[in-house]
Protein backbone atom coordinates (compact mmCIF):
# COMPACT_ATOMS: atom_id res chain seq x y z
CA UNK A 1 115.97 116.53 109.14
CA UNK A 2 113.51 117.57 106.37
CA UNK A 3 112.33 114.59 104.17
CA UNK A 4 110.19 115.35 101.16
CA UNK A 5 107.91 113.24 99.02
CA UNK A 6 107.27 114.51 95.41
CA UNK A 7 103.82 115.92 94.54
CA UNK A 8 101.42 113.03 94.98
CA UNK A 9 100.16 111.66 91.89
CA UNK A 10 96.22 110.81 91.34
CA UNK A 11 94.85 107.77 90.32
CA UNK A 12 97.72 105.74 91.91
CA UNK A 13 96.52 102.26 91.14
CA UNK A 14 95.83 102.52 87.40
CA UNK A 15 99.18 101.75 86.04
CA UNK A 16 98.33 98.16 85.23
CA UNK A 17 95.17 95.85 85.27
CA UNK A 18 95.15 92.27 86.21
CA UNK A 19 93.29 89.96 83.68
CA UNK A 20 92.47 86.51 85.22
CA UNK A 21 91.22 83.57 83.31
CA UNK A 22 90.13 80.91 85.95
CA UNK A 23 93.34 80.14 87.77
CA UNK A 24 95.47 81.87 85.66
CA UNK A 25 97.10 85.81 85.66
CA UNK A 26 98.08 88.20 83.34
CA UNK A 27 99.66 91.56 83.96
CA UNK A 28 99.54 94.42 81.42
CA UNK A 29 101.50 97.65 82.26
CA UNK A 30 101.53 101.04 80.62
CA UNK A 31 105.37 101.25 80.93
CA UNK A 32 107.90 98.69 81.84
CA UNK A 33 109.42 98.81 85.17
CA UNK A 34 112.14 101.93 85.26
CA UNK A 35 110.34 103.55 82.54
CA UNK A 36 108.01 106.28 82.68
CA UNK A 37 110.12 108.68 84.88
CA UNK A 38 107.86 111.72 85.78
CA UNK A 39 110.69 114.46 86.48
CA UNK A 40 112.51 113.67 83.37
CA UNK A 41 109.91 113.52 80.68
CA UNK A 42 111.05 116.77 79.03
CA UNK A 43 114.35 118.52 79.20
CA UNK A 44 113.48 122.19 79.53
CA UNK A 45 115.69 124.48 77.27
CA UNK A 46 118.63 126.26 78.38
CA UNK A 47 117.17 129.76 79.15
CA UNK A 48 114.44 127.86 81.58
CA UNK A 49 115.21 127.93 85.26
CA UNK A 50 114.52 124.13 85.36
CA UNK A 51 116.98 123.32 82.86
CA UNK A 52 120.28 121.58 84.13
CA UNK A 53 122.52 124.63 83.19
CA UNK A 54 120.23 127.29 84.73
CA UNK A 55 119.70 125.08 87.78
CA UNK A 56 123.36 124.50 88.33
CA UNK A 57 123.86 128.22 88.19
CA UNK A 58 121.26 128.72 90.87
CA UNK A 59 122.75 126.10 92.67
CA UNK A 60 126.22 127.57 92.77
CA UNK A 61 124.98 131.06 93.62
CA UNK A 62 122.97 129.96 96.82
CA UNK A 63 126.09 127.85 98.12
CA UNK A 64 128.42 130.92 97.73
CA UNK A 65 125.44 133.18 99.37
CA UNK A 66 125.11 130.61 102.15
CA UNK A 67 121.53 130.94 101.81
CA UNK A 68 120.38 127.19 101.72
CA UNK A 69 116.73 127.10 102.32
CA UNK A 70 115.18 124.93 104.74
CA UNK A 71 111.60 124.39 104.81
CA UNK A 72 109.52 123.77 107.94
CA UNK A 73 109.66 120.29 109.14
CA UNK A 74 107.64 118.04 107.14
CA UNK A 75 108.85 114.56 107.62
CA UNK A 76 106.94 111.92 105.75
CA UNK A 77 104.72 114.66 104.19
CA UNK A 78 103.97 116.26 100.94
CA UNK A 79 105.93 118.88 99.41
CA UNK A 80 105.33 122.51 100.16
CA UNK A 81 105.54 124.98 97.63
CA UNK A 82 106.00 128.18 100.01
CA UNK A 83 109.69 128.40 99.09
CA UNK A 84 111.12 131.81 99.34
CA UNK A 85 113.90 130.66 96.63
CA UNK A 86 113.01 129.40 93.22
CA UNK A 87 113.58 127.02 92.36
CA UNK A 88 113.60 124.68 95.66
CA UNK A 89 116.15 121.53 95.37
CA UNK A 90 115.78 117.96 96.76
CA UNK A 91 118.62 115.49 96.90
CA UNK A 92 118.68 111.98 96.62
CA UNK A 93 121.51 110.30 98.55
CA UNK A 94 123.13 107.04 97.20
CA UNK A 95 125.53 104.65 98.73
CA UNK A 96 127.31 102.14 96.44
CA UNK A 97 124.45 102.28 94.00
CA UNK A 98 121.44 102.07 96.50
CA UNK A 99 119.08 104.80 97.10
CA UNK A 100 118.00 106.39 100.31
CA UNK A 101 114.32 105.23 101.23
CA UNK A 102 112.03 104.82 104.12
CA UNK A 103 108.94 102.50 104.44
CA UNK A 104 105.61 103.39 105.42
CA UNK A 105 102.05 101.73 105.71
CA UNK A 106 100.24 100.68 102.71
CA UNK A 107 96.76 99.28 101.86
CA UNK A 108 98.05 95.55 101.78
CA UNK A 109 101.64 95.84 102.35
CA UNK A 110 104.13 98.15 103.41
CA UNK A 111 105.17 100.92 100.79
CA UNK A 112 108.67 102.42 100.56
CA UNK A 113 109.33 106.00 99.16
CA UNK A 114 112.46 107.61 98.28
CA UNK A 115 114.22 109.54 100.69
CA UNK A 116 114.54 113.03 99.69
CA UNK A 117 116.20 115.32 102.01
CA UNK A 118 116.66 119.25 101.30
CA UNK A 119 119.93 120.72 99.91
CA UNK A 120 120.56 122.32 103.48
CA UNK A 121 120.29 118.85 105.22
CA UNK A 122 122.49 117.24 102.48
CA UNK A 123 125.19 119.80 103.22
CA UNK A 124 124.87 119.31 107.02
CA UNK A 125 124.97 115.38 106.70
CA UNK A 126 128.12 115.55 104.53
CA UNK A 127 130.04 118.19 106.84
CA UNK A 128 129.13 115.65 109.87
CA UNK A 129 130.60 112.62 108.19
CA UNK A 130 133.59 114.68 107.36
CA UNK A 131 133.14 114.92 103.54
CA UNK A 132 133.39 118.46 101.61
CA UNK A 133 130.22 119.41 99.79
CA UNK A 134 130.98 120.31 96.00
CA UNK A 135 128.51 121.51 93.57
CA UNK A 136 130.02 118.89 91.15
CA UNK A 137 129.21 115.93 93.42
CA UNK A 138 125.57 116.77 92.46
CA UNK A 139 124.02 114.98 89.34
CA UNK A 140 120.73 116.46 87.80
CA UNK A 141 117.91 114.11 87.62
CA UNK A 142 114.88 116.38 86.45
CA UNK A 143 112.26 118.89 87.52
CA UNK A 144 108.66 119.43 88.31
CA UNK A 145 108.01 123.07 87.40
CA UNK A 146 104.46 122.82 88.75
CA UNK A 147 105.98 122.47 92.09
CA UNK A 148 109.07 124.51 91.33
CA UNK A 149 111.47 121.80 92.22
CA UNK A 150 114.55 120.57 90.68
CA UNK A 151 115.73 117.15 91.55
CA UNK A 152 119.27 116.02 92.19
CA UNK A 153 121.25 112.90 93.28
CA UNK A 154 124.48 112.43 94.99
CA UNK A 155 126.69 109.62 96.00
CA UNK A 156 127.87 109.75 99.49
CA UNK A 157 129.67 106.24 99.45
CA UNK A 158 132.45 107.70 101.30
CA UNK A 159 130.38 108.68 104.33
CA UNK A 160 130.33 105.49 106.52
CA UNK A 161 128.84 107.37 109.46
CA UNK A 162 125.65 108.38 107.23
CA UNK A 163 124.28 104.77 107.42
CA UNK A 164 123.72 105.01 111.00
CA UNK A 165 122.86 108.68 111.14
CA UNK A 166 120.01 107.73 108.64
CA UNK A 167 119.32 104.49 110.21
CA UNK A 168 118.35 106.46 113.50
CA UNK A 169 115.61 108.16 111.38
CA UNK A 170 114.34 104.46 110.01
CA UNK A 171 115.93 105.33 106.39
CA UNK A 172 118.55 103.21 104.71
CA UNK A 173 120.12 102.68 101.77
CA UNK A 174 118.56 99.54 99.86
CA UNK A 175 119.86 97.60 96.67
CA UNK A 176 117.72 98.56 93.57
CA UNK A 177 116.95 95.04 92.64
CA UNK A 178 115.44 94.51 96.19
CA UNK A 179 113.49 97.70 95.68
CA UNK A 180 112.30 96.21 92.29
CA UNK A 181 111.20 93.24 93.82
CA UNK A 182 109.13 95.11 96.62
CA UNK A 183 107.26 97.52 94.17
CA UNK A 184 103.67 97.24 93.65
CA UNK A 185 103.37 97.50 89.86
CA UNK A 186 99.82 98.71 90.47
CA UNK A 187 100.95 101.80 92.12
CA UNK A 188 101.88 104.41 89.82
CA UNK A 189 103.61 106.75 92.57
CA UNK A 190 105.69 103.52 93.61
CA UNK A 191 106.37 102.69 89.85
CA UNK A 192 107.37 106.36 89.32
CA UNK A 193 110.02 106.27 92.43
CA UNK A 194 111.33 103.24 90.71
CA UNK A 195 112.16 104.89 87.49
CA UNK A 196 113.70 107.75 89.21
CA UNK A 197 115.97 105.68 91.66
CA UNK A 198 116.86 103.58 88.40
CA UNK A 199 117.77 106.67 86.34
CA UNK A 200 119.74 108.29 89.24
CA UNK A 201 121.56 104.90 89.96
CA UNK A 202 122.53 104.83 86.17
CA UNK A 203 123.89 108.29 86.15
CA UNK A 204 125.81 108.08 89.37
CA UNK A 205 127.52 104.63 88.56
CA UNK A 206 128.35 106.24 84.98
CA UNK A 207 130.19 109.20 86.77
CA UNK A 208 131.97 106.38 89.01
CA UNK A 209 133.33 104.44 85.98
CA UNK A 210 134.29 107.31 83.70
CA UNK A 211 136.63 109.31 86.03
CA UNK A 212 139.65 109.30 83.38
CA UNK A 213 139.20 110.00 79.60
CA UNK A 214 139.34 106.71 77.54
CA UNK A 215 141.27 108.76 75.04
CA UNK A 216 144.13 110.38 76.89
CA UNK A 217 143.77 109.23 80.37
CA UNK A 218 143.13 112.80 81.59
CA UNK A 219 140.84 113.10 84.68
CA UNK A 220 137.44 113.94 83.63
CA UNK A 221 134.97 116.67 85.15
CA UNK A 222 131.30 116.95 85.16
CA UNK A 223 129.51 119.54 82.65
CA UNK A 224 126.03 120.48 82.60
CA UNK A 225 124.96 119.54 86.00
CA UNK A 226 126.30 115.79 85.50
CA UNK A 227 124.69 115.29 82.05
CA UNK A 228 128.20 114.83 80.56
CA UNK A 229 131.77 114.67 81.37
CA UNK A 230 134.67 116.58 79.65
CA UNK A 231 138.40 115.61 79.62
CA UNK A 232 140.29 118.09 81.72
CA UNK A 233 143.53 117.80 79.57
CA UNK A 234 143.63 121.04 77.71
CA UNK A 235 144.69 119.23 74.31
CA UNK A 236 142.23 116.89 74.63
CA UNK A 237 138.85 118.35 75.89
CA UNK A 238 136.86 115.21 74.79
CA UNK A 239 133.21 115.18 75.66
CA UNK A 240 131.93 112.13 77.23
CA UNK A 241 128.20 110.94 77.63
CA UNK A 242 126.21 108.61 79.70
CA UNK A 243 126.90 105.07 78.36
CA UNK A 244 123.94 102.75 77.50
CA UNK A 245 124.34 99.03 76.42
CA UNK A 246 121.73 97.58 74.25
CA UNK A 247 120.78 93.83 74.76
CA UNK A 248 118.27 92.09 72.73
CA UNK A 249 116.06 89.87 74.61
CA UNK A 250 113.77 87.36 72.42
CA UNK A 251 110.71 84.99 72.97
CA UNK A 252 111.66 82.24 70.20
CA UNK A 253 108.49 80.55 69.31
CA UNK A 254 107.53 77.42 67.22
CA UNK A 255 104.29 78.41 65.54
CA UNK A 256 103.31 75.00 64.10
CA UNK A 257 103.51 73.34 67.58
CA UNK A 258 102.37 76.48 69.34
CA UNK A 259 105.30 76.32 72.03
CA UNK A 260 108.32 78.75 72.98
CA UNK A 261 111.85 78.05 73.71
CA UNK A 262 112.83 79.10 77.37
CA UNK A 263 116.43 78.81 78.73
CA UNK A 264 118.11 78.69 82.12
CA UNK A 265 121.35 80.21 83.14
CA UNK A 266 123.58 78.54 85.89
CA UNK A 267 122.97 81.93 87.98
CA UNK A 268 119.07 81.30 88.04
CA UNK A 269 117.47 80.42 91.11
CA UNK A 270 116.18 76.86 90.96
CA UNK A 271 113.27 76.32 88.31
CA UNK A 272 113.41 79.56 86.95
CA UNK A 273 113.30 79.68 83.15
CA UNK A 274 113.48 83.40 81.00
CA UNK A 275 114.15 84.07 77.61
CA UNK A 276 117.45 84.22 75.68
CA UNK A 277 119.13 87.46 75.80
CA UNK A 278 122.50 88.78 74.43
CA UNK A 279 124.40 92.01 73.89
CA UNK A 280 124.50 93.79 70.44
CA UNK A 281 127.75 93.50 68.87
CA UNK A 282 129.20 96.41 66.61
CA UNK A 283 128.10 96.67 63.02
CA UNK A 284 125.07 94.25 63.27
CA UNK A 285 121.25 95.39 63.36
CA UNK A 286 118.80 94.40 66.19
CA UNK A 287 117.34 91.58 64.11
CA UNK A 288 120.99 90.14 63.36
CA UNK A 289 121.56 90.11 66.83
CA UNK A 290 118.54 88.29 67.70
CA UNK A 291 119.30 85.66 65.01
CA UNK A 292 123.09 85.12 65.98
CA UNK A 293 122.58 85.16 69.62
CA UNK A 294 119.76 82.21 69.48
CA UNK A 295 121.92 80.44 66.97
CA UNK A 296 125.03 80.53 69.36
CA UNK A 297 123.31 79.63 72.35
CA UNK A 298 120.74 77.10 71.24
CA UNK A 299 121.45 76.13 67.83
CA UNK A 300 118.02 77.34 66.86
CA UNK A 301 117.85 79.08 63.50
CA UNK A 302 115.30 82.21 63.48
CA UNK A 303 113.48 83.64 60.52
CA UNK A 304 110.97 86.44 61.14
CA UNK A 305 111.96 88.85 63.87
CA UNK A 306 109.32 91.03 65.36
CA UNK A 307 109.56 94.09 67.74
CA UNK A 308 107.68 93.80 70.91
CA UNK A 309 108.77 96.53 73.49
CA UNK A 310 111.80 97.91 75.27
CA UNK A 311 112.95 98.25 78.77
CA UNK A 312 115.79 100.38 80.62
CA UNK A 313 117.56 98.22 82.85
CA UNK A 314 119.96 99.91 85.44
CA UNK A 315 120.55 97.04 87.72
CA UNK A 316 123.22 95.43 85.96
CA UNK A 317 126.91 95.31 86.83
CA UNK A 318 128.46 98.72 87.89
CA UNK A 319 130.95 98.29 84.86
CA UNK A 320 127.40 98.46 82.56
CA UNK A 321 125.50 101.22 84.59
CA UNK A 322 122.48 101.21 82.32
CA UNK A 323 121.31 98.39 79.83
CA UNK A 324 118.43 99.07 77.18
CA UNK A 325 116.62 95.41 76.86
CA UNK A 326 115.15 95.48 73.46
CA UNK A 327 112.30 92.74 73.11
CA UNK A 328 111.50 90.69 70.16
CA UNK A 329 109.25 87.84 69.16
CA UNK A 330 111.39 85.45 67.09
CA UNK A 331 110.01 82.95 64.77
CA UNK A 332 111.91 79.46 64.61
CA UNK A 333 112.88 77.87 61.26
CA UNK A 334 114.56 74.88 62.99
CA UNK A 335 113.67 72.98 66.10
CA UNK A 336 116.42 70.80 67.62
CA UNK A 337 118.25 72.30 70.17
CA UNK A 338 122.09 72.37 71.07
CA UNK A 339 122.99 74.14 73.73
CA UNK A 340 126.19 75.98 74.37
CA UNK A 341 126.74 75.04 77.96
CA UNK A 342 129.35 77.93 78.50
CA UNK A 343 126.49 80.35 77.93
CA UNK A 344 123.37 78.40 79.27
CA UNK A 345 122.72 75.53 81.68
CA UNK A 346 119.79 74.36 79.52
CA UNK A 347 117.17 75.29 76.91
CA UNK A 348 113.85 73.66 76.24
CA UNK A 349 110.70 74.13 74.05
CA UNK A 350 107.53 74.60 76.34
CA UNK A 351 104.03 74.31 75.28
CA UNK A 352 101.83 77.15 75.82
CA UNK A 353 99.61 75.22 78.74
CA UNK A 354 103.02 74.68 80.53
CA UNK A 355 103.92 78.28 80.33
CA UNK A 356 100.44 79.62 81.59
CA UNK A 357 100.97 77.31 84.33
CA UNK A 358 104.29 78.77 85.17
CA UNK A 359 102.50 82.27 85.25
CA UNK A 360 99.68 81.03 87.48
CA UNK A 361 102.05 79.06 89.91
CA UNK A 362 104.54 82.13 90.65
CA UNK A 363 102.42 84.01 92.67
CA UNK A 364 104.05 87.32 92.19
CA UNK A 365 101.73 89.23 94.28
CA UNK A 366 102.87 87.30 97.40
CA UNK A 367 106.54 87.64 96.52
CA UNK A 368 105.94 91.32 96.21
CA UNK A 369 104.70 91.71 99.67
CA UNK A 370 107.28 89.57 101.25
CA UNK A 371 109.87 92.07 99.55
CA UNK A 372 108.19 94.90 100.76
CA UNK A 373 107.89 93.53 104.29
CA UNK A 374 111.62 93.14 104.28
CA UNK A 375 112.52 96.23 103.13
CA UNK A 376 110.35 97.60 106.13
CA UNK A 377 112.44 95.57 108.29
CA UNK A 378 115.52 97.14 106.87
CA UNK A 379 114.41 100.36 107.67
CA UNK A 380 113.74 99.33 111.04
CA UNK A 381 117.23 98.04 111.55
CA UNK A 382 116.23 94.69 111.57
CA UNK A 383 118.60 92.25 109.85
CA UNK A 384 116.82 89.98 107.28
CA UNK A 385 118.55 86.73 105.85
CA UNK A 386 116.06 85.05 103.69
CA UNK A 387 116.42 85.28 99.94
CA UNK A 388 114.07 87.33 97.95
CA UNK A 389 114.28 84.46 95.27
CA UNK A 390 112.54 82.01 97.87
CA UNK A 391 110.48 79.13 96.28
CA UNK A 392 107.23 79.61 95.09
CA UNK A 393 104.46 77.39 96.33
CA UNK A 394 100.90 76.79 95.10
CA UNK A 395 98.24 76.61 97.93
CA UNK A 396 98.80 73.03 98.41
CA UNK A 397 102.42 73.47 99.45
CA UNK A 398 103.96 71.73 96.40
CA UNK A 399 106.73 73.48 94.39
CA UNK A 400 105.84 74.74 91.18
CA UNK A 401 107.61 72.71 88.35
CA UNK A 402 108.86 76.16 86.80
CA UNK A 403 108.25 79.88 86.78
CA UNK A 404 109.29 83.07 84.90
CA UNK A 405 110.56 86.29 85.90
CA UNK A 406 108.09 88.55 87.57
CA UNK A 407 106.34 91.59 85.73
CA UNK A 408 109.21 93.83 86.88
CA UNK A 409 111.27 92.12 84.02
CA UNK A 410 110.61 92.45 80.15
CA UNK A 411 110.93 88.72 79.72
CA UNK A 412 107.60 88.32 81.85
CA UNK A 413 105.65 90.56 79.22
CA UNK A 414 107.00 89.06 76.26
CA UNK A 415 106.04 85.61 77.39
CA UNK A 416 102.52 86.44 79.14
CA UNK A 417 101.46 88.40 76.08
CA UNK A 418 102.24 85.25 73.99
CA UNK A 419 100.34 83.03 76.19
CA UNK A 420 97.45 85.05 76.46
CA UNK A 421 97.05 86.40 72.90
CA UNK A 422 94.49 83.99 71.90
CA UNK A 423 92.64 84.55 75.50
CA UNK A 424 88.99 83.53 75.88
CA UNK A 425 86.20 86.01 75.16
CA UNK A 426 88.36 87.89 72.59
CA UNK A 427 90.44 89.60 75.28
CA UNK A 428 94.13 90.50 73.94
CA UNK A 429 96.65 91.02 76.53
CA UNK A 430 99.79 92.79 75.85
CA UNK A 431 102.11 95.28 77.12
CA UNK A 432 101.31 98.99 76.04
CA UNK A 433 101.67 101.01 74.22
CA UNK A 434 100.01 98.43 71.49
CA UNK A 435 99.53 100.72 68.42
CA UNK A 436 102.65 99.48 66.69
CA UNK A 437 104.63 97.11 68.97
CA UNK A 438 102.26 94.24 67.95
CA UNK A 439 101.01 95.08 64.79
CA UNK A 440 102.69 92.40 62.73
CA UNK A 441 101.56 89.57 64.80
């Protein structure tokens, strides 16, 4: 089997920096987790051989001619560009929303990689599992023209035997949330892989939930290499595009008393607190959604609303393949909390000092390395039953009174940028890019 890595990226640990003030920690990312996808930054024009349309035609020709190109064995190695056919195709299999990955050694902890396989191997694997290979099953992800490569994703959920077949080669299908926690946010290559996997999962899950036309009920068929779908009913032919569900997430701030409003949902692990969030309703602006959701869930009235950053979130339920988290600072006009128990378990005001301690005690690096070790064990076929949301402990062994989501979540950056905006020595910590997102604060 041929397994490939995309072209290695240079300066692989420049994605973020860690600023420490005594025992505290702040993490500054140039892009949010799941953003910064390196193979889809620009969509080529339709005449370009790396465009979705041209790549699909090239794929069809190659399948008809039965000339699938298989490169020399390069297991766990860099991609060679000595292809005799242009462009070359690499495929990322998914099973039930989980990408195929493998784990290798890293500097301080195991490091996971996407399990790209050749188009020829993909066809062989599916045939061995009794699944007919069809080009419409492939979804275009993007390309690297400098490497002469086009990347695709495919859902192989029906191929039960593939789990053991890949497992014999120490590859496995892993939940995207698990990979999210296991990703070293200081590793540009790992963050790029996470973004690619998130984009692929969102597209494949959207294909799975949009098999029929919502207008007439007819069967839908993929178009433009899976970039959209169209109703097969000749009297309808409605075009359907990938779904994105926008969500506002806000840190509610009490300026006068230097504190913020954090909430808990019943599904949260013990002691975790986060920002308030909610879906945007038809006919309202983002700012209106921030004010409405805050009022409905906590009884707090919000005045000024300031945009911070946004983050794609492709790890929600299958019915919502990709949410877009739009982050705001919201400044409170009232302060008495009235929690809607149907939405939240609790909501409380927390001082800047208490929140800073929560950032300190969470030990995010320890959690990331623990998750990375679990992923490595999964690839080796070792069952691991422990929860990734295990208790965070201080060095003395005492439980932290509270903690907030890790650096993979936009909530972390909303909260940490507020905590450290008045940091000592004039250092201001915030999520990049900073030229516009924080200009009104």
